[in-house]
Amino acid sequence: VAAPLRALQRLAPRRLVFLSSAEVYGRVPVPFREDGPLATETAYGRAKRAGELALALACAGSDTDLVVLRPTVIYGPGQTPTMLLPAALATLRARQPFPCTTGEQTRDFLHVDDLVALTLRCLEHDAPAGTYNAGSGQEVPVREALTLLAAALDPDAANLLLLGALATRPGEAQRYVVAIEHAARQLGWRPRIDLADGLRRLAHEPA
């Protein structure tokens, strides 16, 4: 919360794009919509929501246009290795078993290149200020994403996925997907990289 406020005060930008998170929605019916209810539960989600509110208040009394983006599950090159997809990829590349849950829970995966394109669009002077979801709009079971990743790496790699070896984390969201029509209408943006293609790119990135 404090860091973006300091940046706003020091730089006094004409336009500010704040990367929040779809985690601010918490446990509400899917798809998550920008004008829908919020039931934020996690510390991360609460921090992001506090950042949204603090920046909105600060920008209201300034000449800065504020755009808030709420990304879903971002994936692609350079991701933190402990996250699901890079962790699975590293394990499968090493020809080691990858224990995971049954993977019935769903997620909305967005390639980092599509997030970059949306961020750049929001920085343009004619982009309307406001809050926008940043996702694919596609609800995908985690097991499907892992299977696609394994298939992109090696036809036999799927045999190393130990689906059901781990229990689902207590309180974990079972359904997670955003509506993206608002960004399409206001910004003319839609993601260009589908999940299968994005995972093929990821699988063929240098280790």
C-alpha atoms as a PDB file:
ATOM      1  CA  VAL A   1       0.000   0.000   0.000  1.00  0.00           C
ATOM      2  CA  ALA A   2       2.741   2.461   0.955  1.00  0.00           C
ATOM      3  CA  ALA A   3       5.057   1.900  -2.032  1.00  0.00           C
ATOM      4  CA  PRO A   4       2.640   2.945  -4.815  1.00  0.00           C
ATOM      5  CA  LEU A   5       1.534   5.915  -2.720  1.00  0.00           C
ATOM      6  CA  ARG A   6       5.166   7.039  -2.428  1.00  0.00           C
ATOM      7  CA  ALA A   7       5.618   6.629  -6.180  1.00  0.00           C
ATOM      8  CA  LEU A   8       2.492   8.674  -6.828  1.00  0.00           C
ATOM      9  CA  GLN A   9       3.650  11.472  -4.521  1.00  0.00           C
ATOM     10  CA  ARG A  10       7.195  11.633  -5.898  1.00  0.00           C
ATOM     11  CA  LEU A  11       6.477  11.281  -9.612  1.00  0.00           C
ATOM     12  CA  ALA A  12       3.064  12.977  -9.927  1.00  0.00           C
ATOM     13  CA  PRO A  13       2.344  10.994 -13.112  1.00  0.00           C
ATOM     14  CA  ARG A  14      -0.369  11.887 -15.577  1.00  0.00           C
ATOM     15  CA  ARG A  15      -1.535   8.271 -15.492  1.00  0.00           C
ATOM     16  CA  LEU A  16      -0.979   5.408 -13.059  1.00  0.00           C
ATOM     17  CA  VAL A  17      -1.632   1.706 -13.699  1.00  0.00           C
ATOM     18  CA  PHE A  18      -1.835  -0.272 -10.464  1.00  0.00           C
ATOM     19  CA  LEU A  19      -1.445  -4.038 -10.661  1.00  0.00           C
ATOM     20  CA  SER A  20      -3.869  -5.336  -8.066  1.00  0.00           C
ATOM     21  CA  SER A  21      -5.115  -8.940  -8.123  1.00  0.00           C
ATOM     22  CA  ALA A  22      -8.283 -10.910  -8.835  1.00  0.00           C
ATOM     23  CA  GLU A  23      -7.730 -12.292  -5.356  1.00  0.00           C
ATOM     24  CA  VAL A  24      -9.569  -9.218  -4.049  1.00  0.00           C
ATOM     25  CA  TYR A  25     -12.826 -10.949  -5.052  1.00  0.00           C
ATOM     26  CA  GLY A  26     -12.454 -13.774  -2.566  1.00  0.00           C
ATOM     27  CA  ARG A  27     -15.246 -16.340  -2.375  1.00  0.00           C
ATOM     28  CA  VAL A  28     -17.978 -14.891  -4.580  1.00  0.00           C
ATOM     29  CA  PRO A  29     -19.833 -16.524  -7.499  1.00  0.00           C
ATOM     30  CA  VAL A  30     -17.894 -16.763 -10.757  1.00  0.00           C
ATOM     31  CA  PRO A  31     -17.177 -15.140 -13.085  1.00  0.00           C
ATOM     32  CA  PHE A  32     -15.770 -12.266 -11.014  1.00  0.00           C
ATOM     33  CA  ARG A  33     -16.968  -8.896 -12.345  1.00  0.00           C
ATOM     34  CA  GLU A  34     -15.492  -5.470 -11.682  1.00  0.00           C
ATOM     35  CA  ASP A  35     -18.819  -4.124 -10.413  1.00  0.00           C
ATOM     36  CA  GLY A  36     -19.635  -7.265  -8.422  1.00  0.00           C
ATOM     37  CA  PRO A  37     -19.266  -8.012  -4.715  1.00  0.00           C
ATOM     38  CA  LEU A  38     -15.941  -8.469  -2.936  1.00  0.00           C
ATOM     39  CA  ALA A  39     -15.362 -11.013  -0.176  1.00  0.00           C
ATOM     40  CA  THR A  40     -11.610 -10.751   0.190  1.00  0.00           C
ATOM     41  CA  GLU A  41     -10.188 -13.425   2.509  1.00  0.00           C
ATOM     42  CA  THR A  42      -6.405 -13.678   2.118  1.00  0.00           C
ATOM     43  CA  ALA A  43      -3.799 -11.280   3.466  1.00  0.00           C
ATOM     44  CA  TYR A  44      -2.522 -10.776  -0.087  1.00  0.00           C
ATOM     45  CA  GLY A  45      -5.993  -9.951  -1.361  1.00  0.00           C
ATOM     46  CA  ARG A  46      -6.654  -7.562   1.532  1.00  0.00           C
ATOM     47  CA  ALA A  47      -3.349  -5.763   0.883  1.00  0.00           C
ATOM     48  CA  LYS A  48      -4.178  -5.358  -2.805  1.00  0.00           C
ATOM     49  CA  ARG A  49      -7.654  -4.053  -2.012  1.00  0.00           C
ATOM     50  CA  ALA A  50      -6.210  -1.578   0.491  1.00  0.00           C
ATOM     51  CA  GLY A  51      -3.827  -0.401  -2.241  1.00  0.00           C
ATOM     52  CA  GLU A  52      -6.722   0.129  -4.652  1.00  0.00           C
ATOM     53  CA  LEU A  53      -8.641   2.218  -2.117  1.00  0.00           C
ATOM     54  CA  ALA A  54      -5.632   4.270  -1.008  1.00  0.00           C
ATOM     55  CA  LEU A  55      -4.656   5.129  -4.583  1.00  0.00           C
ATOM     56  CA  ALA A  56      -8.233   5.966  -5.540  1.00  0.00           C
ATOM     57  CA  LEU A  57      -8.423   8.405  -2.660  1.00  0.00           C
ATOM     58  CA  ALA A  58      -5.050   9.981  -3.483  1.00  0.00           C
ATOM     59  CA  CYS A  59      -5.762  10.271  -7.210  1.00  0.00           C
ATOM     60  CA  ALA A  60      -9.184  11.805  -6.588  1.00  0.00           C
ATOM     61  CA  GLY A  61      -7.463  14.974  -5.402  1.00  0.00           C
ATOM     62  CA  SER A  62      -4.837  15.085  -8.145  1.00  0.00           C
ATOM     63  CA  ASP A  63      -4.430  15.260 -11.923  1.00  0.00           C
ATOM     64  CA  THR A  64      -3.505  11.579 -12.130  1.00  0.00           C
ATOM     65  CA  ASP A  65      -5.786   9.157 -13.964  1.00  0.00           C
ATOM     66  CA  LEU A  66      -5.882   5.824 -12.142  1.00  0.00           C
ATOM     67  CA  VAL A  67      -6.290   2.482 -13.885  1.00  0.00           C
ATOM     68  CA  VAL A  68      -6.555  -0.604 -11.654  1.00  0.00           C
ATOM     69  CA  LEU A  69      -5.876  -4.004 -13.186  1.00  0.00           C
ATOM     70  CA  ARG A  70      -6.924  -7.193 -11.411  1.00  0.00           C
ATOM     71  CA  PRO A  71      -4.823 -10.002 -12.933  1.00  0.00           C
ATOM     72  CA  THR A  72      -5.696 -13.647 -12.514  1.00  0.00           C
ATOM     73  CA  VAL A  73      -3.066 -16.437 -12.574  1.00  0.00           C
ATOM     74  CA  ILE A  74      -0.214 -15.064 -14.668  1.00  0.00           C
ATOM     75  CA  TYR A  75       2.253 -17.501 -16.198  1.00  0.00           C
ATOM     76  CA  GLY A  76       5.208 -17.366 -18.564  1.00  0.00           C
ATOM     77  CA  PRO A  77       8.994 -16.951 -18.618  1.00  0.00           C
ATOM     78  CA  GLY A  78      10.660 -15.711 -15.445  1.00  0.00           C
ATOM     79  CA  GLN A  79       7.906 -16.722 -13.046  1.00  0.00           C
ATOM     80  CA  THR A  80       8.795 -17.478  -9.436  1.00  0.00           C
ATOM     81  CA  PRO A  81       9.959 -21.131  -9.445  1.00  0.00           C
ATOM     82  CA  THR A  82       7.770 -22.079  -6.483  1.00  0.00           C
ATOM     83  CA  MET A  83       4.561 -21.303  -8.373  1.00  0.00           C
ATOM     84  CA  LEU A  84       2.583 -24.263  -9.715  1.00  0.00           C
ATOM     85  CA  LEU A  85       3.453 -24.289 -13.417  1.00  0.00           C
ATOM     86  CA  PRO A  86       7.195 -23.524 -13.157  1.00  0.00           C
ATOM     87  CA  ALA A  87       7.512 -25.995 -10.266  1.00  0.00           C
ATOM     88  CA  ALA A  88       5.795 -28.685 -12.330  1.00  0.00           C
ATOM     89  CA  LEU A  89       7.896 -27.866 -15.375  1.00  0.00           C
ATOM     90  CA  ALA A  90      11.200 -28.086 -13.491  1.00  0.00           C
ATOM     91  CA  THR A  91      10.200 -31.391 -11.903  1.00  0.00           C
ATOM     92  CA  LEU A  92       9.018 -32.944 -15.162  1.00  0.00           C
ATOM     93  CA  ARG A  93      12.141 -31.799 -16.981  1.00  0.00           C
ATOM     94  CA  ALA A  94      14.151 -33.643 -14.357  1.00  0.00           C
ATOM     95  CA  ARG A  95      12.078 -36.774 -15.073  1.00  0.00           C
ATOM     96  CA  GLN A  96      10.839 -36.796 -11.493  1.00  0.00           C
ATOM     97  CA  PRO A  97       7.294 -37.486 -10.253  1.00  0.00           C
ATOM     98  CA  PHE A  98       5.245 -34.367  -9.520  1.00  0.00           C
ATOM     99  CA  PRO A  99       2.764 -34.911  -6.656  1.00  0.00           C
ATOM    100  CA  CYS A 100      -0.272 -32.634  -6.763  1.00  0.00           C
ATOM    101  CA  THR A 101      -3.942 -32.508  -5.837  1.00  0.00           C
ATOM    102  CA  THR A 102      -6.658 -34.026  -7.999  1.00  0.00           C
ATOM    103  CA  GLY A 103      -6.635 -30.708  -9.873  1.00  0.00           C
ATOM    104  CA  GLU A 104     -10.398 -30.364 -10.036  1.00  0.00           C
ATOM    105  CA  GLN A 105     -10.169 -26.761  -8.815  1.00  0.00           C
ATOM    106  CA  THR A 106     -10.346 -24.237 -11.644  1.00  0.00           C
ATOM    107  CA  ARG A 107      -8.180 -21.246 -12.484  1.00  0.00           C
ATOM    108  CA  ASP A 108      -8.064 -18.471 -15.084  1.00  0.00           C
ATOM    109  CA  PHE A 109      -4.586 -18.512 -16.659  1.00  0.00           C
ATOM    110  CA  LEU A 110      -3.246 -15.441 -18.516  1.00  0.00           C
ATOM    111  CA  HIS A 111       0.073 -15.345 -20.363  1.00  0.00           C
ATOM    112  CA  VAL A 112       2.403 -12.590 -19.199  1.00  0.00           C
ATOM    113  CA  ASP A 113       2.656 -11.187 -22.743  1.00  0.00           C
ATOM    114  CA  ASP A 114      -1.091 -10.538 -22.743  1.00  0.00           C
ATOM    115  CA  LEU A 115      -0.839  -8.788 -19.374  1.00  0.00           C
ATOM    116  CA  VAL A 116       1.973  -6.605 -20.732  1.00  0.00           C
ATOM    117  CA  ALA A 117      -0.134  -5.700 -23.774  1.00  0.00           C
ATOM    118  CA  LEU A 118      -3.052  -4.724 -21.538  1.00  0.00           C
ATOM    119  CA  THR A 119      -0.816  -2.672 -19.251  1.00  0.00           C
ATOM    120  CA  LEU A 120       0.625  -0.767 -22.209  1.00  0.00           C
ATOM    121  CA  ARG A 121      -2.875  -0.131 -23.540  1.00  0.00           C
ATOM    122  CA  CYS A 122      -3.906   1.300 -20.161  1.00  0.00           C
ATOM    123  CA  LEU A 123      -0.989   3.735 -20.281  1.00  0.00           C
ATOM    124  CA  GLU A 124      -2.256   5.316 -23.494  1.00  0.00           C
ATOM    125  CA  HIS A 125      -3.893   8.715 -23.105  1.00  0.00           C
ATOM    126  CA  ASP A 126      -7.248   7.634 -24.538  1.00  0.00           C
ATOM    127  CA  ALA A 127      -7.655   4.602 -22.262  1.00  0.00           C
ATOM    128  CA  PRO A 128     -10.558   5.273 -19.876  1.00  0.00           C
ATOM    129  CA  ALA A 129      -9.599   5.291 -16.199  1.00  0.00           C
ATOM    130  CA  GLY A 130     -11.229   2.664 -14.027  1.00  0.00           C
ATOM    131  CA  THR A 131     -10.925  -0.938 -12.875  1.00  0.00           C
ATOM    132  CA  TYR A 132     -10.436  -3.832 -15.274  1.00  0.00           C
ATOM    133  CA  ASN A 133     -10.063  -7.573 -14.912  1.00  0.00           C
ATOM    134  CA  ALA A 134      -6.980  -9.037 -16.572  1.00  0.00           C
ATOM    135  CA  GLY A 135      -7.625 -12.660 -17.407  1.00  0.00           C
ATOM    136  CA  SER A 136      -8.444 -15.068 -20.185  1.00  0.00           C
ATOM    137  CA  GLY A 137     -12.091 -15.383 -19.245  1.00  0.00           C
ATOM    138  CA  GLN A 138     -11.641 -19.168 -19.505  1.00  0.00           C
ATOM    139  CA  GLU A 139     -12.235 -21.408 -16.488  1.00  0.00           C
ATOM    140  CA  VAL A 140      -9.716 -24.268 -16.696  1.00  0.00           C
ATOM    141  CA  PRO A 141      -9.263 -27.167 -14.255  1.00  0.00           C
ATOM    142  CA  VAL A 142      -5.749 -27.225 -12.838  1.00  0.00           C
ATOM    143  CA  ARG A 143      -5.347 -30.850 -13.913  1.00  0.00           C
ATOM    144  CA  GLU A 144      -5.986 -29.808 -17.534  1.00  0.00           C
ATOM    145  CA  ALA A 145      -3.300 -27.121 -17.360  1.00  0.00           C
ATOM    146  CA  LEU A 146      -0.797 -29.582 -15.901  1.00  0.00           C
ATOM    147  CA  THR A 147      -1.653 -32.190 -18.521  1.00  0.00           C
ATOM    148  CA  LEU A 148      -1.221 -29.657 -21.338  1.00  0.00           C
ATOM    149  CA  LEU A 149       2.132 -28.601 -19.916  1.00  0.00           C
ATOM    150  CA  ALA A 150       3.327 -32.199 -19.645  1.00  0.00           C
ATOM    151  CA  ALA A 151       2.216 -32.990 -23.194  1.00  0.00           C
ATOM    152  CA  ALA A 152       4.032 -29.927 -24.514  1.00  0.00           C
ATOM    153  CA  LEU A 153       7.217 -31.077 -22.820  1.00  0.00           C
ATOM    154  CA  ASP A 154       7.178 -34.784 -23.644  1.00  0.00           C
ATOM    155  CA  PRO A 155       4.471 -37.305 -24.606  1.00  0.00           C
ATOM    156  CA  ASP A 156       5.427 -39.484 -21.629  1.00  0.00           C
ATOM    157  CA  ALA A 157       5.677 -36.684 -19.065  1.00  0.00           C
ATOM    158  CA  ALA A 158       1.989 -36.918 -18.135  1.00  0.00           C
ATOM    159  CA  ASN A 159       2.760 -40.260 -16.485  1.00  0.00           C
ATOM    160  CA  LEU A 160       4.827 -38.365 -13.911  1.00  0.00           C
ATOM    161  CA  LEU A 161       1.854 -36.283 -12.730  1.00  0.00           C
ATOM    162  CA  LEU A 162       0.699 -37.817  -9.459  1.00  0.00           C
ATOM    163  CA  LEU A 163      -2.808 -36.375  -9.464  1.00  0.00           C
ATOM    164  CA  GLY A 164      -4.467 -36.843  -6.076  1.00  0.00           C
ATOM    165  CA  ALA A 165      -1.225 -37.421  -4.183  1.00  0.00           C
ATOM    166  CA  LEU A 166      -1.742 -34.214  -2.208  1.00  0.00           C
ATOM    167  CA  ALA A 167      -4.771 -32.969  -0.348  1.00  0.00           C
ATOM    168  CA  THR A 168      -6.391 -29.693  -1.360  1.00  0.00           C
ATOM    169  CA  ARG A 169      -5.297 -26.827   0.878  1.00  0.00           C
ATOM    170  CA  PRO A 170      -7.917 -25.907   3.515  1.00  0.00           C
ATOM    171  CA  GLY A 171      -9.975 -22.963   2.313  1.00  0.00           C
ATOM    172  CA  GLU A 172      -8.579 -23.051  -1.230  1.00  0.00           C
ATOM    173  CA  ALA A 173     -10.825 -21.473  -3.865  1.00  0.00           C
ATOM    174  CA  GLN A 174     -12.440 -24.151  -6.004  1.00  0.00           C
ATOM    175  CA  ARG A 175     -13.596 -21.893  -8.846  1.00  0.00           C
ATOM    176  CA  TYR A 176     -11.674 -18.869 -10.102  1.00  0.00           C
ATOM    177  CA  VAL A 177     -12.380 -17.025 -13.359  1.00  0.00           C
ATOM    178  CA  VAL A 178     -13.008 -13.406 -14.306  1.00  0.00           C
ATOM    179  CA  ALA A 179     -15.271 -11.712 -16.820  1.00  0.00           C
ATOM    180  CA  ILE A 180     -13.239  -9.701 -19.353  1.00  0.00           C
ATOM    181  CA  GLU A 181     -15.984  -7.961 -21.342  1.00  0.00           C
ATOM    182  CA  HIS A 182     -15.355  -4.615 -19.653  1.00  0.00           C
ATOM    183  CA  ALA A 183     -11.753  -4.441 -20.887  1.00  0.00           C
ATOM    184  CA  ALA A 184     -12.881  -5.548 -24.347  1.00  0.00           C
ATOM    185  CA  ARG A 185     -15.521  -2.807 -24.574  1.00  0.00           C
ATOM    186  CA  GLN A 186     -13.563   0.048 -23.036  1.00  0.00           C
ATOM    187  CA  LEU A 187     -10.034  -0.757 -24.159  1.00  0.00           C
ATOM    188  CA  GLY A 188     -10.462  -2.980 -27.196  1.00  0.00           C
ATOM    189  CA  TRP A 189      -8.291  -5.604 -25.494  1.00  0.00           C
ATOM    190  CA  ARG A 190      -8.599  -9.360 -25.542  1.00  0.00           C
ATOM    191  CA  PRO A 191      -5.940 -11.962 -24.789  1.00  0.00           C
ATOM    192  CA  ARG A 192      -4.242 -13.373 -27.886  1.00  0.00           C
ATOM    193  CA  ILE A 193      -2.383 -16.380 -26.461  1.00  0.00           C
ATOM    194  CA  ASP A 194      -4.507 -19.411 -25.632  1.00  0.00           C
ATOM    195  CA  LEU A 195      -3.421 -21.702 -22.824  1.00  0.00           C
ATOM    196  CA  ALA A 196      -2.216 -24.592 -24.989  1.00  0.00           C
ATOM    197  CA  ASP A 197      -0.013 -22.285 -27.073  1.00  0.00           C
ATOM    198  CA  GLY A 198       1.256 -20.439 -24.013  1.00  0.00           C
ATOM    199  CA  LEU A 199       2.214 -23.675 -22.279  1.00  0.00           C
ATOM    200  CA  ARG A 200       4.001 -24.912 -25.415  1.00  0.00           C
ATOM    201  CA  ARG A 201       6.034 -21.705 -25.391  1.00  0.00           C
ATOM    202  CA  LEU A 202       6.806 -22.174 -21.726  1.00  0.00           C
ATOM    203  CA  ALA A 203       7.834 -25.804 -22.183  1.00  0.00           C
ATOM    204  CA  HIS A 204      10.290 -24.843 -24.928  1.00  0.00           C
ATOM    205  CA  GLU A 205      11.877 -21.960 -23.012  1.00  0.00           C
ATOM    206  CA  PRO A 206      15.543 -22.676 -22.092  1.00  0.00           C
ATOM    207  CA  ALA A 207      15.767 -24.347 -18.710  1.00  0.00           C
END
